[in-house]
């Protein structure tokens, strides 16, 4: 089988490609150049750098399959970076990795794969595929709970899953490293990327200021009753649940409770005021293809590193859904993804309103 493998230059996608080649498949490695790297932003902790592209090419050469670099700078800027800036300026906290996975790594690479007469696009994600009793494709958590990445893949459709492959999803990270050593891959001991690739220093607010400068984005910092506590330089400096760098004090720890872009107000208050039992999500994707007609008992995960918690889930009109938790959850953050699970199986997910 001819398979396109999305190669980031890391150990996971490299092992995925090498294992497929070892199994006798015709592998074509594709790496995506996503942003202008002329300024040399290649610090440890970033990803998709020029060094990563070179590492992907070294792996392909070592294993013996073709490797190509495709320039997706325009698509990445339009679909991921610009969305990141708009969301922060609108008082939401975006999740660019999920946008990148669904709108680039699958949607765009699938188009490239068709042009190369490839049947499947494989990635190094820690996730698994199965089928239910009706024959529909099922997306499941990766075997390694510490590395599971199904959270980032909630927006994949049945058509995309039908042409997807996750060769390392049934392995632990330690097993992947062991395979990389066995296969003699030059990235076997490579560190993992940690930061958003286009903001390698982690200073999101400064990046937004450079991308979308404005004379004045300042506004008030208020408590839940509207009392003025201070001023800020822009709501993109804050996210729900934030405690540090608020610039105000009241004798008790304060947290960001809400961002109001229309008035540019940052609402702060005590820790217990962050707790919520209900959320609504928009642009919900149901993995089965159709929204459920009844209320479901699920485990809802509101952040990548946040444990999934029991909730009742019902579909609403216009691609929306509502989840009600059994216990209050802290800092449910607009703009983040909420993903719904039935055990190990992804039911669907959407964007928190």
C-alpha atoms as a PDB file:
ATOM      1  CA  UNK A   1       0.000   0.000   0.000  1.00  0.00           C
ATOM      2  CA  UNK A   2       1.242   3.511  -0.781  1.00  0.00           C
ATOM      3  CA  UNK A   3       1.060   5.590   2.405  1.00  0.00           C
ATOM      4  CA  UNK A   4       1.855   9.254   2.985  1.00  0.00           C
ATOM      5  CA  UNK A   5       3.354   9.793   6.442  1.00  0.00           C
ATOM      6  CA  UNK A   6       3.191  13.261   7.987  1.00  0.00           C
ATOM      7  CA  UNK A   7       6.689  13.672   9.405  1.00  0.00           C
ATOM      8  CA  UNK A   8       7.361  16.343  12.003  1.00  0.00           C
ATOM      9  CA  UNK A   9      10.976  15.319  12.561  1.00  0.00           C
ATOM     10  CA  UNK A  10      10.174  13.891  15.986  1.00  0.00           C
ATOM     11  CA  UNK A  11      10.541  10.337  17.204  1.00  0.00           C
ATOM     12  CA  UNK A  12       6.828   9.432  17.026  1.00  0.00           C
ATOM     13  CA  UNK A  13       6.222  10.191  13.344  1.00  0.00           C
ATOM     14  CA  UNK A  14       9.661   8.810  12.477  1.00  0.00           C
ATOM     15  CA  UNK A  15       8.869   5.465  14.109  1.00  0.00           C
ATOM     16  CA  UNK A  16       5.450   5.439  12.437  1.00  0.00           C
ATOM     17  CA  UNK A  17       7.082   5.852   9.022  1.00  0.00           C
ATOM     18  CA  UNK A  18       9.856   3.329   9.690  1.00  0.00           C
ATOM     19  CA  UNK A  19       7.458   0.651  10.944  1.00  0.00           C
ATOM     20  CA  UNK A  20       5.242   1.040   7.886  1.00  0.00           C
ATOM     21  CA  UNK A  21       8.258   0.774   5.597  1.00  0.00           C
ATOM     22  CA  UNK A  22       9.469  -2.287   7.508  1.00  0.00           C
ATOM     23  CA  UNK A  23       6.041  -3.881   7.013  1.00  0.00           C
ATOM     24  CA  UNK A  24       6.501  -3.575   3.247  1.00  0.00           C
ATOM     25  CA  UNK A  25       4.398  -0.501   2.499  1.00  0.00           C
ATOM     26  CA  UNK A  26       5.481   2.125  -0.006  1.00  0.00           C
ATOM     27  CA  UNK A  27       6.082   5.108   2.257  1.00  0.00           C
ATOM     28  CA  UNK A  28       6.235   8.735   1.141  1.00  0.00           C
ATOM     29  CA  UNK A  29       7.352  11.136   3.854  1.00  0.00           C
ATOM     30  CA  UNK A  30       5.818  14.624   3.800  1.00  0.00           C
ATOM     31  CA  UNK A  31       6.925  17.409   6.113  1.00  0.00           C
ATOM     32  CA  UNK A  32       5.098  20.707   6.361  1.00  0.00           C
ATOM     33  CA  UNK A  33       6.867  24.056   6.405  1.00  0.00           C
ATOM     34  CA  UNK A  34       4.343  26.100   8.305  1.00  0.00           C
ATOM     35  CA  UNK A  35       5.850  29.511   8.991  1.00  0.00           C
ATOM     36  CA  UNK A  36       8.659  31.841   7.952  1.00  0.00           C
ATOM     37  CA  UNK A  37      11.784  30.728   9.794  1.00  0.00           C
ATOM     38  CA  UNK A  38      14.204  33.336   8.478  1.00  0.00           C
ATOM     39  CA  UNK A  39      14.545  34.833  11.959  1.00  0.00           C
ATOM     40  CA  UNK A  40      15.969  31.533  13.180  1.00  0.00           C
ATOM     41  CA  UNK A  41      13.388  30.655  15.810  1.00  0.00           C
ATOM     42  CA  UNK A  42      14.694  27.177  16.538  1.00  0.00           C
ATOM     43  CA  UNK A  43      14.991  27.101  20.319  1.00  0.00           C
ATOM     44  CA  UNK A  44      14.526  23.817  22.151  1.00  0.00           C
ATOM     45  CA  UNK A  45      10.889  23.292  22.987  1.00  0.00           C
ATOM     46  CA  UNK A  46       9.585  24.523  19.645  1.00  0.00           C
ATOM     47  CA  UNK A  47       8.511  22.302  16.782  1.00  0.00           C
ATOM     48  CA  UNK A  48       8.355  22.374  12.992  1.00  0.00           C
ATOM     49  CA  UNK A  49      11.693  24.205  12.781  1.00  0.00           C
ATOM     50  CA  UNK A  50      14.237  23.878  10.007  1.00  0.00           C
ATOM     51  CA  UNK A  51      16.134  21.426  12.200  1.00  0.00           C
ATOM     52  CA  UNK A  52      12.986  19.307  12.458  1.00  0.00           C
ATOM     53  CA  UNK A  53      12.615  19.266   8.678  1.00  0.00           C
ATOM     54  CA  UNK A  54      16.234  18.187   8.368  1.00  0.00           C
ATOM     55  CA  UNK A  55      15.687  15.440  10.958  1.00  0.00           C
ATOM     56  CA  UNK A  56      12.708  14.121   9.005  1.00  0.00           C
ATOM     57  CA  UNK A  57      14.829  14.002   5.858  1.00  0.00           C
ATOM     58  CA  UNK A  58      17.622  12.183   7.722  1.00  0.00           C
ATOM     59  CA  UNK A  59      15.163   9.539   8.920  1.00  0.00           C
ATOM     60  CA  UNK A  60      13.781   9.041   5.412  1.00  0.00           C
ATOM     61  CA  UNK A  61      17.304   8.649   4.041  1.00  0.00           C
ATOM     62  CA  UNK A  62      18.269   6.195   6.784  1.00  0.00           C
ATOM     63  CA  UNK A  63      15.202   4.019   6.226  1.00  0.00           C
ATOM     64  CA  UNK A  64      15.183   4.428   2.458  1.00  0.00           C
ATOM     65  CA  UNK A  65      11.989   6.137   1.349  1.00  0.00           C
ATOM     66  CA  UNK A  66      11.332   9.466  -0.464  1.00  0.00           C
ATOM     67  CA  UNK A  67      10.847  12.617   1.562  1.00  0.00           C
ATOM     68  CA  UNK A  68       9.246  15.869   0.447  1.00  0.00           C
ATOM     69  CA  UNK A  69       8.711  19.246   2.097  1.00  0.00           C
ATOM     70  CA  UNK A  70       5.434  20.984   1.303  1.00  0.00           C
ATOM     71  CA  UNK A  71       5.006  24.689   1.941  1.00  0.00           C
ATOM     72  CA  UNK A  72       1.811  25.362   3.888  1.00  0.00           C
ATOM     73  CA  UNK A  73       2.789  28.805   5.184  1.00  0.00           C
ATOM     74  CA  UNK A  74      -0.244  30.535   3.677  1.00  0.00           C
ATOM     75  CA  UNK A  75      -2.735  27.923   4.892  1.00  0.00           C
ATOM     76  CA  UNK A  76      -1.145  27.805   8.340  1.00  0.00           C
ATOM     77  CA  UNK A  77      -1.276  31.563   8.664  1.00  0.00           C
ATOM     78  CA  UNK A  78      -4.896  31.779   7.540  1.00  0.00           C
ATOM     79  CA  UNK A  79      -6.302  28.793   9.401  1.00  0.00           C
ATOM     80  CA  UNK A  80      -4.194  28.612  12.555  1.00  0.00           C
ATOM     81  CA  UNK A  81      -2.166  31.748  13.314  1.00  0.00           C
ATOM     82  CA  UNK A  82      -4.810  34.300  12.349  1.00  0.00           C
ATOM     83  CA  UNK A  83      -7.420  32.335  14.276  1.00  0.00           C
ATOM     84  CA  UNK A  84      -5.090  32.318  17.297  1.00  0.00           C
ATOM     85  CA  UNK A  85      -4.811  36.120  17.203  1.00  0.00           C
ATOM     86  CA  UNK A  86      -8.550  36.695  16.650  1.00  0.00           C
ATOM     87  CA  UNK A  87      -9.525  34.373  19.468  1.00  0.00           C
ATOM     88  CA  UNK A  88      -7.263  36.020  22.034  1.00  0.00           C
ATOM     89  CA  UNK A  89      -8.461  39.487  21.024  1.00  0.00           C
ATOM     90  CA  UNK A  90     -12.054  38.255  21.391  1.00  0.00           C
ATOM     91  CA  UNK A  91     -11.439  37.151  24.977  1.00  0.00           C
ATOM     92  CA  UNK A  92     -11.094  33.442  24.249  1.00  0.00           C
ATOM     93  CA  UNK A  93      -8.151  31.079  24.735  1.00  0.00           C
ATOM     94  CA  UNK A  94      -7.459  29.221  21.475  1.00  0.00           C
ATOM     95  CA  UNK A  95      -6.042  25.744  20.919  1.00  0.00           C
ATOM     96  CA  UNK A  96      -3.937  26.029  17.751  1.00  0.00           C
ATOM     97  CA  UNK A  97      -2.674  22.423  17.833  1.00  0.00           C
ATOM     98  CA  UNK A  98      -6.209  21.093  17.348  1.00  0.00           C
ATOM     99  CA  UNK A  99      -6.789  23.492  14.436  1.00  0.00           C
ATOM    100  CA  UNK A 100      -3.505  22.443  12.879  1.00  0.00           C
ATOM    101  CA  UNK A 101      -4.234  18.733  13.218  1.00  0.00           C
ATOM    102  CA  UNK A 102      -7.690  18.826  11.689  1.00  0.00           C
ATOM    103  CA  UNK A 103      -7.368  21.583   9.095  1.00  0.00           C
ATOM    104  CA  UNK A 104      -3.814  20.969   7.898  1.00  0.00           C
ATOM    105  CA  UNK A 105      -2.384  17.603   8.884  1.00  0.00           C
ATOM    106  CA  UNK A 106      -5.473  15.789   7.662  1.00  0.00           C
ATOM    107  CA  UNK A 107      -7.611  17.955   5.408  1.00  0.00           C
ATOM    108  CA  UNK A 108      -4.729  19.377   3.375  1.00  0.00           C
ATOM    109  CA  UNK A 109      -2.450  16.342   3.478  1.00  0.00           C
ATOM    110  CA  UNK A 110      -5.300  14.130   2.315  1.00  0.00           C
ATOM    111  CA  UNK A 111      -5.547  16.291  -0.795  1.00  0.00           C
ATOM    112  CA  UNK A 112      -1.807  15.893  -1.378  1.00  0.00           C
ATOM    113  CA  UNK A 113      -2.067  12.167  -0.786  1.00  0.00           C
ATOM    114  CA  UNK A 114      -4.730  11.827  -3.481  1.00  0.00           C
ATOM    115  CA  UNK A 115      -2.456  13.625  -5.927  1.00  0.00           C
ATOM    116  CA  UNK A 116       0.265  11.092  -5.102  1.00  0.00           C
ATOM    117  CA  UNK A 117      -2.124   8.137  -5.507  1.00  0.00           C
ATOM    118  CA  UNK A 118      -1.714   7.279  -1.832  1.00  0.00           C
ATOM    119  CA  UNK A 119      -4.554   5.537  -0.033  1.00  0.00           C
ATOM    120  CA  UNK A 120      -3.768   6.589   3.526  1.00  0.00           C
ATOM    121  CA  UNK A 121      -2.213   9.397   5.565  1.00  0.00           C
ATOM    122  CA  UNK A 122      -0.376   8.145   8.650  1.00  0.00           C
ATOM    123  CA  UNK A 123       0.771  10.281  11.586  1.00  0.00           C
ATOM    124  CA  UNK A 124       2.605   9.773  14.848  1.00  0.00           C
ATOM    125  CA  UNK A 125      -0.401  10.586  17.021  1.00  0.00           C
ATOM    126  CA  UNK A 126      -1.093   8.479  20.076  1.00  0.00           C
ATOM    127  CA  UNK A 127      -4.615   7.454  19.109  1.00  0.00           C
ATOM    128  CA  UNK A 128      -6.305   4.310  17.787  1.00  0.00           C
ATOM    129  CA  UNK A 129      -8.937   3.390  15.227  1.00  0.00           C
ATOM    130  CA  UNK A 130     -11.590   0.681  15.464  1.00  0.00           C
ATOM    131  CA  UNK A 131     -15.063  -0.057  14.103  1.00  0.00           C
ATOM    132  CA  UNK A 132     -18.362  -0.310  15.936  1.00  0.00           C
ATOM    133  CA  UNK A 133     -21.098  -2.872  15.385  1.00  0.00           C
ATOM    134  CA  UNK A 134     -22.593  -0.764  12.604  1.00  0.00           C
ATOM    135  CA  UNK A 135     -19.268  -0.705  10.762  1.00  0.00           C
ATOM    136  CA  UNK A 136     -18.568   2.967  11.486  1.00  0.00           C
ATOM    137  CA  UNK A 137     -15.056   4.047  12.329  1.00  0.00           C
ATOM    138  CA  UNK A 138     -14.344   4.715  15.989  1.00  0.00           C
ATOM    139  CA  UNK A 139     -11.599   6.987  17.322  1.00  0.00           C
ATOM    140  CA  UNK A 140     -10.102   5.806  20.617  1.00  0.00           C
ATOM    141  CA  UNK A 141      -7.553   6.997  23.124  1.00  0.00           C
ATOM    142  CA  UNK A 142      -3.944   5.937  22.699  1.00  0.00           C
ATOM    143  CA  UNK A 143      -2.758   3.094  24.909  1.00  0.00           C
ATOM    144  CA  UNK A 144      -0.318   5.346  26.801  1.00  0.00           C
ATOM    145  CA  UNK A 145      -2.521   7.556  29.018  1.00  0.00           C
ATOM    146  CA  UNK A 146       0.272  10.088  29.496  1.00  0.00           C
ATOM    147  CA  UNK A 147       0.689  10.589  25.745  1.00  0.00           C
ATOM    148  CA  UNK A 148      -2.882  10.119  24.459  1.00  0.00           C
ATOM    149  CA  UNK A 149      -3.610  12.704  21.742  1.00  0.00           C
ATOM    150  CA  UNK A 150      -7.168  11.812  20.784  1.00  0.00           C
ATOM    151  CA  UNK A 151      -8.212  15.125  22.387  1.00  0.00           C
ATOM    152  CA  UNK A 152      -6.636  16.981  19.450  1.00  0.00           C
ATOM    153  CA  UNK A 153      -8.359  14.812  16.835  1.00  0.00           C
ATOM    154  CA  UNK A 154     -12.010  15.250  17.826  1.00  0.00           C
ATOM    155  CA  UNK A 155     -12.897  17.132  14.629  1.00  0.00           C
ATOM    156  CA  UNK A 156     -11.969  14.310  12.242  1.00  0.00           C
ATOM    157  CA  UNK A 157     -14.848  13.061  10.113  1.00  0.00           C
ATOM    158  CA  UNK A 158     -15.697   9.536   9.055  1.00  0.00           C
ATOM    159  CA  UNK A 159     -14.286  10.307   5.600  1.00  0.00           C
ATOM    160  CA  UNK A 160     -10.992  11.508   7.097  1.00  0.00           C
ATOM    161  CA  UNK A 161     -10.738   8.614   9.546  1.00  0.00           C
ATOM    162  CA  UNK A 162     -11.290   6.180   6.668  1.00  0.00           C
ATOM    163  CA  UNK A 163      -7.962   7.326   5.228  1.00  0.00           C
ATOM    164  CA  UNK A 164      -6.064   7.803   8.492  1.00  0.00           C
ATOM    165  CA  UNK A 165      -3.575   5.546  10.250  1.00  0.00           C
ATOM    166  CA  UNK A 166      -1.945   5.881  13.679  1.00  0.00           C
ATOM    167  CA  UNK A 167       0.864   3.308  13.817  1.00  0.00           C
ATOM    168  CA  UNK A 168       2.116   4.194  17.320  1.00  0.00           C
ATOM    169  CA  UNK A 169      -1.277   4.546  18.997  1.00  0.00           C
ATOM    170  CA  UNK A 170      -1.126   1.055  20.473  1.00  0.00           C
ATOM    171  CA  UNK A 171       2.355   1.664  21.937  1.00  0.00           C
ATOM    172  CA  UNK A 172       3.697   3.472  24.983  1.00  0.00           C
ATOM    173  CA  UNK A 173       6.247   6.235  24.616  1.00  0.00           C
ATOM    174  CA  UNK A 174       8.913   3.940  26.059  1.00  0.00           C
ATOM    175  CA  UNK A 175       8.071   1.327  23.434  1.00  0.00           C
ATOM    176  CA  UNK A 176       8.281   3.936  20.680  1.00  0.00           C
ATOM    177  CA  UNK A 177      11.740   4.973  21.900  1.00  0.00           C
ATOM    178  CA  UNK A 178      12.784   1.319  21.975  1.00  0.00           C
ATOM    179  CA  UNK A 179      11.589   0.848  18.388  1.00  0.00           C
ATOM    180  CA  UNK A 180      13.502   3.947  17.307  1.00  0.00           C
ATOM    181  CA  UNK A 181      16.683   2.515  18.807  1.00  0.00           C
ATOM    182  CA  UNK A 182      16.074  -0.902  17.249  1.00  0.00           C
ATOM    183  CA  UNK A 183      15.539   0.682  13.848  1.00  0.00           C
ATOM    184  CA  UNK A 184      18.634   2.847  14.230  1.00  0.00           C
ATOM    185  CA  UNK A 185      16.770   6.117  13.717  1.00  0.00           C
ATOM    186  CA  UNK A 186      18.860   9.277  14.205  1.00  0.00           C
ATOM    187  CA  UNK A 187      16.072  10.889  16.291  1.00  0.00           C
ATOM    188  CA  UNK A 188      15.779   8.063  18.845  1.00  0.00           C
ATOM    189  CA  UNK A 189      16.868  10.286  21.754  1.00  0.00           C
ATOM    190  CA  UNK A 190      15.396  13.558  20.510  1.00  0.00           C
ATOM    191  CA  UNK A 191      13.557  15.734  23.037  1.00  0.00           C
ATOM    192  CA  UNK A 192       9.844  16.354  22.614  1.00  0.00           C
ATOM    193  CA  UNK A 193       8.457  19.709  21.523  1.00  0.00           C
ATOM    194  CA  UNK A 194       6.568  21.622  24.229  1.00  0.00           C
ATOM    195  CA  UNK A 195       5.581  25.090  23.035  1.00  0.00           C
ATOM    196  CA  UNK A 196       3.381  26.419  20.259  1.00  0.00           C
ATOM    197  CA  UNK A 197       5.642  26.350  17.218  1.00  0.00           C
ATOM    198  CA  UNK A 198       5.064  29.936  16.091  1.00  0.00           C
ATOM    199  CA  UNK A 199       5.486  31.370  19.633  1.00  0.00           C
ATOM    200  CA  UNK A 200       8.613  29.511  20.800  1.00  0.00           C
ATOM    201  CA  UNK A 201       9.268  31.902  23.696  1.00  0.00           C
ATOM    202  CA  UNK A 202       5.755  31.370  25.078  1.00  0.00           C
ATOM    203  CA  UNK A 203       4.939  35.108  25.167  1.00  0.00           C
ATOM    204  CA  UNK A 204       1.542  34.981  23.464  1.00  0.00           C
ATOM    205  CA  UNK A 205       0.605  38.577  24.282  1.00  0.00           C
ATOM    206  CA  UNK A 206       3.774  39.994  22.718  1.00  0.00           C
ATOM    207  CA  UNK A 207       3.204  37.876  19.616  1.00  0.00           C
ATOM    208  CA  UNK A 208      -0.340  39.223  19.287  1.00  0.00           C
ATOM    209  CA  UNK A 209       0.873  42.795  19.773  1.00  0.00           C
ATOM    210  CA  UNK A 210       3.306  42.282  16.884  1.00  0.00           C
ATOM    211  CA  UNK A 211       0.715  40.647  14.652  1.00  0.00           C
ATOM    212  CA  UNK A 212      -2.152  43.036  15.333  1.00  0.00           C
ATOM    213  CA  UNK A 213      -0.835  46.293  16.777  1.00  0.00           C
ATOM    214  CA  UNK A 214      -3.380  48.732  18.167  1.00  0.00           C
ATOM    215  CA  UNK A 215      -3.024  52.111  19.827  1.00  0.00           C
ATOM    216  CA  UNK A 216      -5.097  51.199  22.864  1.00  0.00           C
ATOM    217  CA  UNK A 217      -6.586  47.882  23.956  1.00  0.00           C
ATOM    218  CA  UNK A 218      -6.639  48.746  27.640  1.00  0.00           C
ATOM    219  CA  UNK A 219      -9.635  48.405  29.886  1.00  0.00           C
ATOM    220  CA  UNK A 220     -10.842  47.990  33.462  1.00  0.00           C
ATOM    221  CA  UNK A 221     -10.172  45.179  35.915  1.00  0.00           C
ATOM    222  CA  UNK A 222     -13.327  44.734  37.986  1.00  0.00           C
ATOM    223  CA  UNK A 223     -14.770  42.354  40.540  1.00  0.00           C
ATOM    224  CA  UNK A 224     -17.962  40.366  40.000  1.00  0.00           C
ATOM    225  CA  UNK A 225     -20.034  43.315  41.263  1.00  0.00           C
ATOM    226  CA  UNK A 226     -18.444  45.695  38.776  1.00  0.00           C
ATOM    227  CA  UNK A 227     -16.230  47.567  41.230  1.00  0.00           C
ATOM    228  CA  UNK A 228     -13.114  48.979  39.582  1.00  0.00           C
ATOM    229  CA  UNK A 229      -9.908  47.437  40.924  1.00  0.00           C
ATOM    230  CA  UNK A 230      -7.386  48.546  38.337  1.00  0.00           C
ATOM    231  CA  UNK A 231      -6.529  48.835  34.639  1.00  0.00           C
ATOM    232  CA  UNK A 232      -4.948  46.489  32.097  1.00  0.00           C
ATOM    233  CA  UNK A 233      -3.237  46.805  28.699  1.00  0.00           C
ATOM    234  CA  UNK A 234      -5.359  44.294  26.779  1.00  0.00           C
ATOM    235  CA  UNK A 235      -7.535  41.247  27.438  1.00  0.00           C
ATOM    236  CA  UNK A 236      -5.179  39.134  25.322  1.00  0.00           C
ATOM    237  CA  UNK A 237      -2.817  39.213  28.330  1.00  0.00           C
ATOM    238  CA  UNK A 238      -5.324  37.125  30.312  1.00  0.00           C
ATOM    239  CA  UNK A 239      -7.114  33.788  30.291  1.00  0.00           C
ATOM    240  CA  UNK A 240      -9.860  32.394  32.510  1.00  0.00           C
ATOM    241  CA  UNK A 241      -8.354  30.847  35.622  1.00  0.00           C
ATOM    242  CA  UNK A 242      -5.191  32.966  35.547  1.00  0.00           C
ATOM    243  CA  UNK A 243      -3.866  34.057  38.935  1.00  0.00           C
ATOM    244  CA  UNK A 244      -0.441  35.595  38.326  1.00  0.00           C
ATOM    245  CA  UNK A 245       0.348  38.993  36.799  1.00  0.00           C
ATOM    246  CA  UNK A 246      -3.103  40.481  37.384  1.00  0.00           C
ATOM    247  CA  UNK A 247      -1.749  43.776  38.691  1.00  0.00           C
ATOM    248  CA  UNK A 248      -4.370  44.098  41.464  1.00  0.00           C
ATOM    249  CA  UNK A 249      -4.651  42.886  45.055  1.00  0.00           C
ATOM    250  CA  UNK A 250      -7.459  42.596  47.598  1.00  0.00           C
ATOM    251  CA  UNK A 251      -5.906  40.651  50.461  1.00  0.00           C
ATOM    252  CA  UNK A 252      -7.021  37.279  49.047  1.00  0.00           C
ATOM    253  CA  UNK A 253      -5.813  35.470  45.913  1.00  0.00           C
ATOM    254  CA  UNK A 254      -7.695  36.666  42.834  1.00  0.00           C
ATOM    255  CA  UNK A 255      -8.299  34.765  39.603  1.00  0.00           C
ATOM    256  CA  UNK A 256      -9.600  35.780  36.191  1.00  0.00           C
ATOM    257  CA  UNK A 257     -13.273  34.774  36.120  1.00  0.00           C
ATOM    258  CA  UNK A 258     -14.393  36.233  32.818  1.00  0.00           C
ATOM    259  CA  UNK A 259     -13.222  38.313  29.864  1.00  0.00           C
ATOM    260  CA  UNK A 260     -15.677  40.778  28.313  1.00  0.00           C
ATOM    261  CA  UNK A 261     -14.345  41.880  24.919  1.00  0.00           C
ATOM    262  CA  UNK A 262     -17.210  44.290  24.232  1.00  0.00           C
ATOM    263  CA  UNK A 263     -16.202  46.451  27.230  1.00  0.00           C
ATOM    264  CA  UNK A 264     -12.603  45.158  27.387  1.00  0.00           C
ATOM    265  CA  UNK A 265     -13.215  44.301  31.051  1.00  0.00           C
ATOM    266  CA  UNK A 266     -11.325  41.625  32.966  1.00  0.00           C
ATOM    267  CA  UNK A 267     -13.461  40.239  35.801  1.00  0.00           C
ATOM    268  CA  UNK A 268     -11.590  38.793  38.769  1.00  0.00           C
ATOM    269  CA  UNK A 269     -12.639  37.078  41.960  1.00  0.00           C
ATOM    270  CA  UNK A 270     -11.911  34.270  44.440  1.00  0.00           C
ATOM    271  CA  UNK A 271     -10.966  30.735  43.422  1.00  0.00           C
ATOM    272  CA  UNK A 272     -14.359  29.165  44.187  1.00  0.00           C
ATOM    273  CA  UNK A 273     -16.066  31.574  41.772  1.00  0.00           C
ATOM    274  CA  UNK A 274     -14.303  29.763  38.891  1.00  0.00           C
ATOM    275  CA  UNK A 275     -16.322  26.584  39.364  1.00  0.00           C
ATOM    276  CA  UNK A 276     -19.032  25.771  36.810  1.00  0.00           C
ATOM    277  CA  UNK A 277     -21.251  22.748  36.272  1.00  0.00           C
ATOM    278  CA  UNK A 278     -22.431  23.513  32.738  1.00  0.00           C
ATOM    279  CA  UNK A 279     -20.990  24.471  29.380  1.00  0.00           C
ATOM    280  CA  UNK A 280     -22.109  24.855  25.799  1.00  0.00           C
ATOM    281  CA  UNK A 281     -19.943  24.114  22.777  1.00  0.00           C
ATOM    282  CA  UNK A 282     -20.179  25.159  19.137  1.00  0.00           C
ATOM    283  CA  UNK A 283     -18.942  23.619  15.874  1.00  0.00           C
ATOM    284  CA  UNK A 284     -19.425  20.201  17.448  1.00  0.00           C
ATOM    285  CA  UNK A 285     -18.219  17.208  15.460  1.00  0.00           C
ATOM    286  CA  UNK A 286     -19.813  13.842  16.170  1.00  0.00           C
ATOM    287  CA  UNK A 287     -17.429  11.031  15.261  1.00  0.00           C
ATOM    288  CA  UNK A 288     -20.296   8.746  14.301  1.00  0.00           C
ATOM    289  CA  UNK A 289     -21.423  11.342  11.751  1.00  0.00           C
ATOM    290  CA  UNK A 290     -24.769  12.230  13.309  1.00  0.00           C
ATOM    291  CA  UNK A 291     -25.649  13.928  16.612  1.00  0.00           C
ATOM    292  CA  UNK A 292     -27.212  11.677  19.274  1.00  0.00           C
ATOM    293  CA  UNK A 293     -30.980  11.842  19.600  1.00  0.00           C
ATOM    294  CA  UNK A 294     -30.920  11.192  23.354  1.00  0.00           C
ATOM    295  CA  UNK A 295     -28.974  12.514  26.309  1.00  0.00           C
ATOM    296  CA  UNK A 296     -25.718  10.618  26.734  1.00  0.00           C
ATOM    297  CA  UNK A 297     -23.659   9.841  29.801  1.00  0.00           C
ATOM    298  CA  UNK A 298     -20.081  10.758  28.895  1.00  0.00           C
ATOM    299  CA  UNK A 299     -16.779  11.850  30.354  1.00  0.00           C
ATOM    300  CA  UNK A 300     -16.064  15.408  29.214  1.00  0.00           C
ATOM    301  CA  UNK A 301     -12.499  16.720  29.002  1.00  0.00           C
ATOM    302  CA  UNK A 302     -12.204  20.515  29.048  1.00  0.00           C
ATOM    303  CA  UNK A 303      -8.412  20.796  28.603  1.00  0.00           C
ATOM    304  CA  UNK A 304      -5.701  18.536  27.264  1.00  0.00           C
ATOM    305  CA  UNK A 305      -4.136  17.844  30.662  1.00  0.00           C
ATOM    306  CA  UNK A 306      -7.416  17.978  32.603  1.00  0.00           C
ATOM    307  CA  UNK A 307      -8.956  14.615  33.560  1.00  0.00           C
ATOM    308  CA  UNK A 308     -12.240  13.807  31.833  1.00  0.00           C
ATOM    309  CA  UNK A 309     -15.182  14.085  34.228  1.00  0.00           C
ATOM    310  CA  UNK A 310     -18.682  12.531  34.204  1.00  0.00           C
ATOM    311  CA  UNK A 311     -21.317  14.658  32.493  1.00  0.00           C
ATOM    312  CA  UNK A 312     -24.689  14.514  30.761  1.00  0.00           C
ATOM    313  CA  UNK A 313     -24.450  15.490  27.112  1.00  0.00           C
ATOM    314  CA  UNK A 314     -27.202  16.527  24.742  1.00  0.00           C
ATOM    315  CA  UNK A 315     -27.037  17.817  21.194  1.00  0.00           C
ATOM    316  CA  UNK A 316     -28.515  21.238  20.429  1.00  0.00           C
ATOM    317  CA  UNK A 317     -29.436  22.857  17.154  1.00  0.00           C
ATOM    318  CA  UNK A 318     -26.941  24.534  14.792  1.00  0.00           C
ATOM    319  CA  UNK A 319     -24.025  22.247  15.596  1.00  0.00           C
ATOM    320  CA  UNK A 320     -23.999  22.998  19.303  1.00  0.00           C
ATOM    321  CA  UNK A 321     -24.089  20.800  22.401  1.00  0.00           C
ATOM    322  CA  UNK A 322     -24.572  21.221  26.144  1.00  0.00           C
ATOM    323  CA  UNK A 323     -22.748  19.300  28.858  1.00  0.00           C
ATOM    324  CA  UNK A 324     -23.724  19.284  32.532  1.00  0.00           C
ATOM    325  CA  UNK A 325     -21.133  17.909  34.946  1.00  0.00           C
ATOM    326  CA  UNK A 326     -21.882  15.852  38.029  1.00  0.00           C
ATOM    327  CA  UNK A 327     -19.406  18.026  39.937  1.00  0.00           C
ATOM    328  CA  UNK A 328     -18.366  21.627  39.325  1.00  0.00           C
ATOM    329  CA  UNK A 329     -15.275  22.046  37.128  1.00  0.00           C
ATOM    330  CA  UNK A 330     -12.678  24.811  37.509  1.00  0.00           C
ATOM    331  CA  UNK A 331     -11.943  27.413  34.848  1.00  0.00           C
ATOM    332  CA  UNK A 332     -14.092  26.242  31.961  1.00  0.00           C
ATOM    333  CA  UNK A 333     -12.425  28.412  29.344  1.00  0.00           C
ATOM    334  CA  UNK A 334     -14.081  29.832  26.201  1.00  0.00           C
ATOM    335  CA  UNK A 335     -12.076  28.990  23.083  1.00  0.00           C
ATOM    336  CA  UNK A 336     -10.687  25.716  24.409  1.00  0.00           C
ATOM    337  CA  UNK A 337     -11.853  22.344  23.110  1.00  0.00           C
ATOM    338  CA  UNK A 338     -14.172  20.092  25.060  1.00  0.00           C
ATOM    339  CA  UNK A 339     -14.009  16.448  24.008  1.00  0.00           C
ATOM    340  CA  UNK A 340     -16.587  13.844  24.971  1.00  0.00           C
ATOM    341  CA  UNK A 341     -15.629  10.240  25.694  1.00  0.00           C
ATOM    342  CA  UNK A 342     -17.465   6.992  26.257  1.00  0.00           C
ATOM    343  CA  UNK A 343     -14.748   5.098  28.074  1.00  0.00           C
ATOM    344  CA  UNK A 344     -11.804   5.046  25.642  1.00  0.00           C
ATOM    345  CA  UNK A 345     -13.935   6.093  22.656  1.00  0.00           C
ATOM    346  CA  UNK A 346     -14.247   9.658  21.390  1.00  0.00           C
ATOM    347  CA  UNK A 347     -17.929  10.533  20.981  1.00  0.00           C
ATOM    348  CA  UNK A 348     -17.175  13.992  19.605  1.00  0.00           C
ATOM    349  CA  UNK A 349     -16.102  17.448  20.636  1.00  0.00           C
ATOM    350  CA  UNK A 350     -16.415  21.143  20.014  1.00  0.00           C
ATOM    351  CA  UNK A 351     -15.277  24.603  21.067  1.00  0.00           C
ATOM    352  CA  UNK A 352     -16.324  25.973  24.457  1.00  0.00           C
ATOM    353  CA  UNK A 353     -18.460  29.087  24.168  1.00  0.00           C
END
